[in-house]
């Protein structure tokens, strides 16, 4: 997926993963895979999803799904 940081305007590639310390009980988190935030799990506040596959959309954590429901 591709995310945009709304404070800086920068774009980042990200993935959904359960292999991060912020993940618990098998719930995926959104982890940045590029740039200065590489390896960081991020919360939805301050981020915009720019590009997303159907599989990623289905697996998004609840906090990221605003507007889909």
C-alpha atoms as a PDB file:
ATOM      1  CA  UNK A   1       0.000   0.000   0.000  1.00  0.00           C
ATOM      2  CA  UNK A   2       1.024   3.615  -0.346  1.00  0.00           C
ATOM      3  CA  UNK A   3       0.414   6.133   2.438  1.00  0.00           C
ATOM      4  CA  UNK A   4       0.753   9.904   2.589  1.00  0.00           C
ATOM      5  CA  UNK A   5       1.793  11.651   5.792  1.00  0.00           C
ATOM      6  CA  UNK A   6      -0.627  14.583   6.062  1.00  0.00           C
ATOM      7  CA  UNK A   7       1.790  16.676   8.153  1.00  0.00           C
ATOM      8  CA  UNK A   8       4.791  16.418   5.835  1.00  0.00           C
ATOM      9  CA  UNK A   9       3.120  15.557   2.519  1.00  0.00           C
ATOM     10  CA  UNK A  10       5.610  12.709   2.015  1.00  0.00           C
ATOM     11  CA  UNK A  11       4.588   9.389   0.526  1.00  0.00           C
ATOM     12  CA  UNK A  12       5.613   6.025   1.973  1.00  0.00           C
ATOM     13  CA  UNK A  13       5.199   2.383   1.054  1.00  0.00           C
ATOM     14  CA  UNK A  14       3.704   0.254   3.815  1.00  0.00           C
ATOM     15  CA  UNK A  15       2.560  -3.299   4.491  1.00  0.00           C
ATOM     16  CA  UNK A  16       0.186  -5.043   6.858  1.00  0.00           C
ATOM     17  CA  UNK A  17       2.040  -7.348   9.231  1.00  0.00           C
ATOM     18  CA  UNK A  18       1.626  -9.327  12.407  1.00  0.00           C
ATOM     19  CA  UNK A  19       5.437  -9.585  12.714  1.00  0.00           C
ATOM     20  CA  UNK A  20       5.843  -6.305  14.617  1.00  0.00           C
ATOM     21  CA  UNK A  21       5.923  -5.610  18.349  1.00  0.00           C
ATOM     22  CA  UNK A  22       2.834  -3.382  17.988  1.00  0.00           C
ATOM     23  CA  UNK A  23       0.780  -6.334  16.725  1.00  0.00           C
ATOM     24  CA  UNK A  24      -1.073  -8.367  19.326  1.00  0.00           C
ATOM     25  CA  UNK A  25      -3.323 -11.405  19.209  1.00  0.00           C
ATOM     26  CA  UNK A  26      -2.721 -11.813  15.488  1.00  0.00           C
ATOM     27  CA  UNK A  27      -4.084  -8.368  14.603  1.00  0.00           C
ATOM     28  CA  UNK A  28      -2.126  -6.775  11.750  1.00  0.00           C
ATOM     29  CA  UNK A  29      -0.572  -3.342  12.006  1.00  0.00           C
ATOM     30  CA  UNK A  30       0.405  -0.937   9.224  1.00  0.00           C
ATOM     31  CA  UNK A  31       4.207  -0.803   9.009  1.00  0.00           C
ATOM     32  CA  UNK A  32       6.133   1.693   6.883  1.00  0.00           C
ATOM     33  CA  UNK A  33       8.723   0.002   4.643  1.00  0.00           C
ATOM     34  CA  UNK A  34      10.502   3.014   3.117  1.00  0.00           C
ATOM     35  CA  UNK A  35      12.120   6.294   4.089  1.00  0.00           C
ATOM     36  CA  UNK A  36      12.901   7.739   7.486  1.00  0.00           C
ATOM     37  CA  UNK A  37      10.030   5.839   9.145  1.00  0.00           C
ATOM     38  CA  UNK A  38      11.030   2.409   7.819  1.00  0.00           C
ATOM     39  CA  UNK A  39      10.056  -0.318  10.290  1.00  0.00           C
ATOM     40  CA  UNK A  40       7.644   1.903  12.245  1.00  0.00           C
ATOM     41  CA  UNK A  41       4.061   0.837  12.904  1.00  0.00           C
ATOM     42  CA  UNK A  42       1.797   3.832  12.349  1.00  0.00           C
ATOM     43  CA  UNK A  43      -1.676   4.787  13.558  1.00  0.00           C
ATOM     44  CA  UNK A  44      -4.271   6.167  11.129  1.00  0.00           C
ATOM     45  CA  UNK A  45      -4.278   9.674  12.596  1.00  0.00           C
ATOM     46  CA  UNK A  46      -2.369  11.954  10.229  1.00  0.00           C
ATOM     47  CA  UNK A  47      -2.183   9.463   7.350  1.00  0.00           C
ATOM     48  CA  UNK A  48      -4.072   9.099   4.090  1.00  0.00           C
ATOM     49  CA  UNK A  49      -4.201   5.857   2.142  1.00  0.00           C
ATOM     50  CA  UNK A  50      -3.250   6.623  -1.456  1.00  0.00           C
ATOM     51  CA  UNK A  51      -3.173   3.118  -2.946  1.00  0.00           C
ATOM     52  CA  UNK A  52      -4.494  -0.162  -1.575  1.00  0.00           C
ATOM     53  CA  UNK A  53      -5.241  -3.634  -2.948  1.00  0.00           C
ATOM     54  CA  UNK A  54      -8.515  -5.414  -2.289  1.00  0.00           C
ATOM     55  CA  UNK A  55      -6.756  -7.951  -0.047  1.00  0.00           C
ATOM     56  CA  UNK A  56      -5.142  -5.136   1.954  1.00  0.00           C
ATOM     57  CA  UNK A  57      -8.495  -3.368   2.304  1.00  0.00           C
ATOM     58  CA  UNK A  58     -10.102  -6.527   3.679  1.00  0.00           C
ATOM     59  CA  UNK A  59      -7.291  -7.021   6.228  1.00  0.00           C
ATOM     60  CA  UNK A  60      -7.034  -3.406   7.459  1.00  0.00           C
ATOM     61  CA  UNK A  61      -7.162  -2.961  11.229  1.00  0.00           C
ATOM     62  CA  UNK A  62     -10.487  -1.409  12.403  1.00  0.00           C
ATOM     63  CA  UNK A  63      -9.034   2.053  13.053  1.00  0.00           C
ATOM     64  CA  UNK A  64      -8.000   2.348   9.420  1.00  0.00           C
ATOM     65  CA  UNK A  65     -11.434   1.473   7.988  1.00  0.00           C
ATOM     66  CA  UNK A  66     -13.324   4.723   8.640  1.00  0.00           C
ATOM     67  CA  UNK A  67     -15.628   5.456   5.762  1.00  0.00           C
ATOM     68  CA  UNK A  68     -15.741   1.850   4.547  1.00  0.00           C
ATOM     69  CA  UNK A  69     -18.491   0.768   6.896  1.00  0.00           C
END
